[in-house]
């Protein structure tokens, strides 16, 4: 199945946290080295219908770097795209966030962009 050419938007620490970061807190980010962090496939039906959009997911990242919970914070407006993003990001590994240098569970946001080329 053809893979979608989607982009994970680079966000600043302030955007990930939703504002200025608290002292000693570093937000979790997707692990760029992790082989299991596959980009979502573009759903065939969404491609046929020429659906494009951005899904913003809310991810609870555990101290181990696993996604403990994933939900849609901002929908693309297309259930097929939202579901594909959810399914992919649930399998991702993250560099865990830290509080005063100690890995800790915390929420972050992950945008996934579906764009036809």
N, C-alpha and C. Protein backbone atom coordinates (compact mmCIF):
# COMPACT_ATOMS: atom_id res chain seq x y z
N UNK A 1 0.86 -1.16 0.00
CA UNK A 1 0.00 0.00 0.00
C UNK A 1 0.91 1.23 0.00
N UNK A 2 0.62 2.19 -0.87
CA UNK A 2 1.48 3.37 -0.91
C UNK A 2 1.43 4.12 0.41
N UNK A 3 2.60 4.56 0.82
CA UNK A 3 2.69 5.31 2.08
C UNK A 3 2.43 6.78 1.81
N UNK A 4 1.77 7.39 2.70
CA UNK A 4 1.49 8.81 2.57
C UNK A 4 2.75 9.62 2.84
N UNK A 5 2.87 10.64 2.09
CA UNK A 5 3.97 11.56 2.36
C UNK A 5 3.45 12.62 3.31
N UNK A 6 3.56 12.32 4.57
CA UNK A 6 3.05 13.27 5.55
C UNK A 6 4.21 13.86 6.32
N UNK A 7 3.98 14.94 6.89
CA UNK A 7 5.05 15.64 7.61
C UNK A 7 4.65 15.83 9.06
N UNK A 8 5.57 15.56 9.92
CA UNK A 8 5.38 15.91 11.32
C UNK A 8 5.98 17.31 11.48
N UNK A 9 5.14 18.22 11.86
CA UNK A 9 5.58 19.60 11.97
C UNK A 9 6.53 19.76 13.15
N UNK A 10 7.59 20.52 12.90
CA UNK A 10 8.52 20.82 13.99
C UNK A 10 7.88 21.89 14.86
N UNK A 11 7.80 21.60 16.12
CA UNK A 11 7.20 22.55 17.06
C UNK A 11 8.23 22.98 18.08
N UNK A 12 8.12 24.20 18.49
CA UNK A 12 9.01 24.67 19.54
C UNK A 12 8.54 24.12 20.88
N UNK A 13 9.41 24.11 21.84
CA UNK A 13 9.07 23.61 23.16
C UNK A 13 7.86 24.34 23.72
N UNK A 14 7.78 25.62 23.50
CA UNK A 14 6.65 26.40 23.99
C UNK A 14 5.34 25.95 23.38
N UNK A 15 5.31 25.64 22.09
CA UNK A 15 4.09 25.16 21.46
C UNK A 15 3.71 23.78 21.95
N UNK A 16 4.70 22.92 22.13
CA UNK A 16 4.40 21.57 22.63
C UNK A 16 3.77 21.64 24.01
N UNK A 17 4.27 22.53 24.83
CA UNK A 17 3.77 22.62 26.20
C UNK A 17 2.51 23.47 26.30
N UNK A 18 2.18 24.17 25.22
CA UNK A 18 1.03 25.04 25.26
C UNK A 18 1.34 26.38 25.91
N UNK A 19 2.60 26.67 26.10
CA UNK A 19 3.02 27.92 26.70
C UNK A 19 4.42 27.79 27.22
N UNK A 20 4.89 28.75 27.98
CA UNK A 20 6.25 28.68 28.51
C UNK A 20 6.44 27.45 29.38
N UNK A 21 7.58 26.81 29.22
CA UNK A 21 7.86 25.59 29.99
C UNK A 21 8.20 25.94 31.43
N UNK A 22 7.74 25.08 32.34
CA UNK A 22 8.08 25.25 33.75
C UNK A 22 9.56 24.94 33.94
N UNK A 23 10.16 25.56 34.92
CA UNK A 23 11.58 25.34 35.19
C UNK A 23 11.83 23.87 35.46
N UNK A 24 12.83 23.30 34.81
CA UNK A 24 13.20 21.92 35.04
C UNK A 24 12.35 20.89 34.31
N UNK A 25 11.40 21.34 33.47
CA UNK A 25 10.53 20.40 32.75
C UNK A 25 10.90 20.42 31.27
N UNK A 26 11.16 19.23 30.71
CA UNK A 26 11.43 19.08 29.29
C UNK A 26 10.33 18.19 28.72
N UNK A 27 9.65 18.67 27.68
CA UNK A 27 8.53 17.94 27.09
C UNK A 27 9.01 16.73 26.28
N UNK A 28 8.18 15.67 26.20
CA UNK A 28 8.52 14.52 25.37
C UNK A 28 8.41 14.88 23.89
N UNK A 29 9.21 14.20 23.07
CA UNK A 29 9.19 14.39 21.62
C UNK A 29 9.29 13.02 20.95
N UNK A 30 8.77 12.88 19.70
CA UNK A 30 8.94 11.61 18.99
C UNK A 30 10.42 11.28 18.83
N UNK A 31 10.76 10.02 19.00
CA UNK A 31 12.14 9.55 18.86
C UNK A 31 12.45 9.36 17.39
N UNK A 32 13.27 10.24 16.83
CA UNK A 32 13.59 10.17 15.40
C UNK A 32 14.40 8.94 15.03
N UNK A 33 15.04 8.31 15.99
CA UNK A 33 15.85 7.13 15.73
C UNK A 33 15.04 5.83 15.76
N UNK A 34 13.84 5.87 16.28
CA UNK A 34 13.04 4.65 16.48
C UNK A 34 12.49 4.15 15.15
N UNK A 35 12.82 2.91 14.82
CA UNK A 35 12.38 2.33 13.54
C UNK A 35 10.88 2.09 13.50
N UNK A 36 10.24 1.94 14.66
CA UNK A 36 8.79 1.70 14.67
C UNK A 36 7.97 2.97 14.44
N UNK A 37 8.61 4.12 14.39
CA UNK A 37 7.89 5.38 14.18
C UNK A 37 7.64 5.59 12.69
N UNK A 38 6.71 4.80 12.16
CA UNK A 38 6.36 4.87 10.74
C UNK A 38 5.36 5.98 10.50
N UNK A 39 5.49 6.65 9.38
CA UNK A 39 4.52 7.66 8.99
C UNK A 39 3.20 6.96 8.65
N UNK A 40 2.08 7.58 8.94
CA UNK A 40 0.79 6.96 8.63
C UNK A 40 0.64 6.73 7.13
N UNK A 41 -0.03 5.65 6.77
CA UNK A 41 -0.37 5.40 5.37
C UNK A 41 -1.53 6.32 5.00
N UNK A 42 -1.55 6.77 3.77
CA UNK A 42 -2.68 7.60 3.32
C UNK A 42 -3.82 6.66 3.00
N UNK A 43 -4.94 6.72 3.69
CA UNK A 43 -6.05 5.79 3.41
C UNK A 43 -6.49 5.91 1.94
N UNK A 44 -6.66 4.76 1.29
CA UNK A 44 -7.03 4.75 -0.14
C UNK A 44 -8.30 5.55 -0.41
N UNK A 45 -9.30 5.37 0.44
CA UNK A 45 -10.57 6.07 0.23
C UNK A 45 -10.40 7.58 0.41
N UNK A 46 -9.59 7.99 1.38
CA UNK A 46 -9.33 9.41 1.59
C UNK A 46 -8.58 10.00 0.40
N UNK A 47 -7.67 9.23 -0.16
CA UNK A 47 -6.93 9.68 -1.35
C UNK A 47 -7.90 9.84 -2.52
N UNK A 48 -8.78 8.84 -2.70
CA UNK A 48 -9.75 8.87 -3.80
C UNK A 48 -10.67 10.09 -3.68
N UNK A 49 -11.04 10.42 -2.45
CA UNK A 49 -11.92 11.56 -2.20
C UNK A 49 -11.16 12.89 -2.10
N UNK A 50 -9.85 12.82 -2.30
CA UNK A 50 -8.97 13.99 -2.25
C UNK A 50 -9.06 14.74 -0.92
N UNK A 51 -9.10 13.96 0.15
CA UNK A 51 -9.16 14.54 1.49
C UNK A 51 -7.75 14.86 1.98
N UNK A 52 -7.57 16.05 2.49
CA UNK A 52 -6.31 16.49 3.07
C UNK A 52 -6.62 17.17 4.40
N UNK A 53 -5.63 17.23 5.26
CA UNK A 53 -5.85 17.94 6.51
C UNK A 53 -4.77 17.69 7.53
N UNK A 54 -4.90 18.38 8.65
CA UNK A 54 -3.95 18.23 9.77
C UNK A 54 -4.72 17.71 10.97
N UNK A 55 -4.18 16.66 11.56
CA UNK A 55 -4.71 16.07 12.79
C UNK A 55 -3.72 16.42 13.90
N UNK A 56 -4.21 16.95 15.00
CA UNK A 56 -3.34 17.18 16.16
C UNK A 56 -3.76 16.18 17.23
N UNK A 57 -2.81 15.33 17.60
CA UNK A 57 -3.07 14.30 18.60
C UNK A 57 -2.51 14.72 19.95
N UNK A 58 -3.21 14.33 20.99
CA UNK A 58 -2.74 14.50 22.37
C UNK A 58 -2.22 13.14 22.79
N UNK A 59 -0.96 13.09 23.22
CA UNK A 59 -0.31 11.82 23.56
C UNK A 59 0.22 11.88 24.99
N UNK A 60 -0.18 10.88 25.79
CA UNK A 60 0.40 10.72 27.12
C UNK A 60 1.61 9.80 26.95
N UNK A 61 2.79 10.37 27.13
CA UNK A 61 4.03 9.62 26.97
C UNK A 61 4.52 9.19 28.35
N UNK A 62 4.72 7.88 28.51
CA UNK A 62 5.21 7.35 29.77
C UNK A 62 6.70 7.59 29.95
N UNK A 63 7.18 7.37 31.15
CA UNK A 63 8.60 7.54 31.45
C UNK A 63 9.48 6.62 30.61
N UNK A 64 8.89 5.52 30.10
CA UNK A 64 9.64 4.58 29.26
C UNK A 64 9.70 5.03 27.81
N UNK A 65 8.91 6.06 27.44
CA UNK A 65 8.88 6.53 26.06
C UNK A 65 7.75 5.95 25.24
N UNK A 66 6.92 5.09 25.85
CA UNK A 66 5.77 4.52 25.14
C UNK A 66 4.58 5.47 25.23
N UNK A 67 3.75 5.45 24.17
CA UNK A 67 2.50 6.21 24.19
C UNK A 67 1.50 5.43 25.03
N UNK A 68 1.11 5.99 26.17
CA UNK A 68 0.18 5.32 27.07
C UNK A 68 -1.27 5.60 26.69
N UNK A 69 -1.51 6.76 26.09
CA UNK A 69 -2.86 7.15 25.65
C UNK A 69 -2.70 8.12 24.49
N UNK A 70 -3.59 8.00 23.51
CA UNK A 70 -3.57 8.90 22.35
C UNK A 70 -5.01 9.25 22.01
N UNK A 71 -5.27 10.55 21.87
CA UNK A 71 -6.60 10.96 21.42
C UNK A 71 -6.47 12.17 20.49
N UNK A 72 -7.56 12.48 19.81
CA UNK A 72 -7.57 13.58 18.85
C UNK A 72 -7.87 14.88 19.60
N UNK A 73 -6.93 15.82 19.54
CA UNK A 73 -7.13 17.14 20.13
C UNK A 73 -7.81 18.06 19.13
N UNK A 74 -7.37 18.01 17.87
CA UNK A 74 -7.94 18.80 16.78
C UNK A 74 -8.08 17.90 15.57
N UNK A 75 -9.30 17.69 15.13
CA UNK A 75 -9.60 16.80 14.01
C UNK A 75 -9.24 17.45 12.67
N UNK A 76 -8.91 16.60 11.71
CA UNK A 76 -8.71 17.06 10.34
C UNK A 76 -10.05 17.36 9.68
N UNK A 77 -11.11 16.87 10.29
CA UNK A 77 -12.43 16.97 9.68
C UNK A 77 -12.80 15.72 8.88
N UNK A 78 -11.85 14.78 8.80
CA UNK A 78 -12.06 13.54 8.05
C UNK A 78 -11.74 12.35 8.95
N UNK A 79 -12.74 11.56 9.32
CA UNK A 79 -12.52 10.43 10.22
C UNK A 79 -11.45 9.45 9.74
N UNK A 80 -11.35 9.22 8.43
CA UNK A 80 -10.33 8.29 7.92
C UNK A 80 -8.92 8.79 8.24
N UNK A 81 -8.68 10.07 8.06
CA UNK A 81 -7.36 10.64 8.34
C UNK A 81 -7.08 10.63 9.84
N UNK A 82 -8.07 11.01 10.63
CA UNK A 82 -7.90 11.01 12.09
C UNK A 82 -7.54 9.62 12.60
N UNK A 83 -8.27 8.60 12.12
CA UNK A 83 -8.04 7.23 12.59
C UNK A 83 -6.67 6.72 12.17
N UNK A 84 -6.25 7.01 10.96
CA UNK A 84 -4.93 6.57 10.49
C UNK A 84 -3.82 7.20 11.33
N UNK A 85 -3.97 8.48 11.67
CA UNK A 85 -2.98 9.15 12.52
C UNK A 85 -2.95 8.51 13.91
N UNK A 86 -4.12 8.26 14.49
CA UNK A 86 -4.20 7.60 15.80
C UNK A 86 -3.51 6.24 15.78
N UNK A 87 -3.83 5.43 14.77
CA UNK A 87 -3.27 4.08 14.69
C UNK A 87 -1.75 4.11 14.58
N UNK A 88 -1.21 5.04 13.79
CA UNK A 88 0.24 5.12 13.62
C UNK A 88 0.93 5.60 14.89
N UNK A 89 0.46 6.69 15.47
CA UNK A 89 1.15 7.29 16.61
C UNK A 89 1.07 6.42 17.86
N UNK A 90 0.03 5.60 17.97
CA UNK A 90 -0.06 4.67 19.12
C UNK A 90 1.14 3.72 19.18
N UNK A 91 1.78 3.45 18.05
CA UNK A 91 2.91 2.51 18.01
C UNK A 91 4.26 3.21 18.16
N UNK A 92 4.27 4.52 18.17
CA UNK A 92 5.53 5.27 18.20
C UNK A 92 6.23 5.18 19.54
N UNK A 93 7.54 5.39 19.47
CA UNK A 93 8.38 5.57 20.66
C UNK A 93 8.72 7.05 20.75
N UNK A 94 8.86 7.52 21.98
CA UNK A 94 9.17 8.92 22.24
C UNK A 94 10.39 9.02 23.13
N UNK A 95 11.08 10.14 23.05
CA UNK A 95 12.06 10.49 24.06
C UNK A 95 11.21 11.06 25.19
N UNK A 96 11.20 10.41 26.36
CA UNK A 96 10.28 10.85 27.42
C UNK A 96 10.60 12.25 27.93
N UNK A 97 9.57 12.90 28.42
CA UNK A 97 9.77 14.18 29.07
C UNK A 97 10.44 13.97 30.42
N UNK A 98 11.01 15.02 30.95
CA UNK A 98 11.68 14.92 32.25
C UNK A 98 11.26 16.08 33.15
N UNK A 99 11.29 15.81 34.43
CA UNK A 99 11.11 16.84 35.47
C UNK A 99 12.38 16.80 36.32
N UNK A 100 13.10 17.91 36.30
CA UNK A 100 14.37 18.00 37.02
C UNK A 100 15.30 16.86 36.65
N UNK A 101 15.34 16.52 35.36
CA UNK A 101 16.25 15.50 34.85
C UNK A 101 15.79 14.07 35.00
N UNK A 102 14.62 13.84 35.59
CA UNK A 102 14.11 12.49 35.81
C UNK A 102 12.96 12.22 34.83
N UNK A 103 13.04 11.12 34.04
CA UNK A 103 11.94 10.81 33.11
C UNK A 103 10.62 10.70 33.86
N UNK A 104 9.57 11.26 33.25
CA UNK A 104 8.25 11.27 33.89
C UNK A 104 7.18 11.21 32.80
N UNK A 105 6.02 10.69 33.16
CA UNK A 105 4.88 10.66 32.24
C UNK A 105 4.33 12.07 32.09
N UNK A 106 4.04 12.45 30.85
CA UNK A 106 3.41 13.75 30.60
C UNK A 106 2.78 13.79 29.22
N UNK A 107 1.84 14.73 29.08
CA UNK A 107 1.13 14.91 27.82
C UNK A 107 1.92 15.79 26.88
N UNK A 108 1.79 15.50 25.58
CA UNK A 108 2.34 16.36 24.53
C UNK A 108 1.38 16.33 23.36
N UNK A 109 1.60 17.20 22.41
CA UNK A 109 0.77 17.24 21.20
C UNK A 109 1.63 16.88 19.99
N UNK A 110 1.06 16.08 19.10
CA UNK A 110 1.76 15.66 17.89
C UNK A 110 0.88 15.97 16.68
N UNK A 111 1.32 16.90 15.82
CA UNK A 111 0.56 17.17 14.61
C UNK A 111 0.96 16.21 13.49
N UNK A 112 -0.03 15.75 12.73
CA UNK A 112 0.22 14.89 11.57
C UNK A 112 -0.51 15.53 10.39
N UNK A 113 0.24 15.81 9.32
CA UNK A 113 -0.33 16.48 8.15
C UNK A 113 -0.47 15.48 7.01
N UNK A 114 -1.67 15.40 6.46
CA UNK A 114 -1.94 14.57 5.29
C UNK A 114 -2.09 15.52 4.10
N UNK A 115 -1.20 15.39 3.13
CA UNK A 115 -1.23 16.28 1.97
C UNK A 115 -1.02 15.44 0.72
N UNK A 116 -1.92 15.57 -0.23
CA UNK A 116 -1.79 14.88 -1.51
C UNK A 116 -0.71 15.57 -2.34
N UNK A 117 0.07 14.77 -3.04
CA UNK A 117 1.12 15.35 -3.90
C UNK A 117 0.92 14.87 -5.30
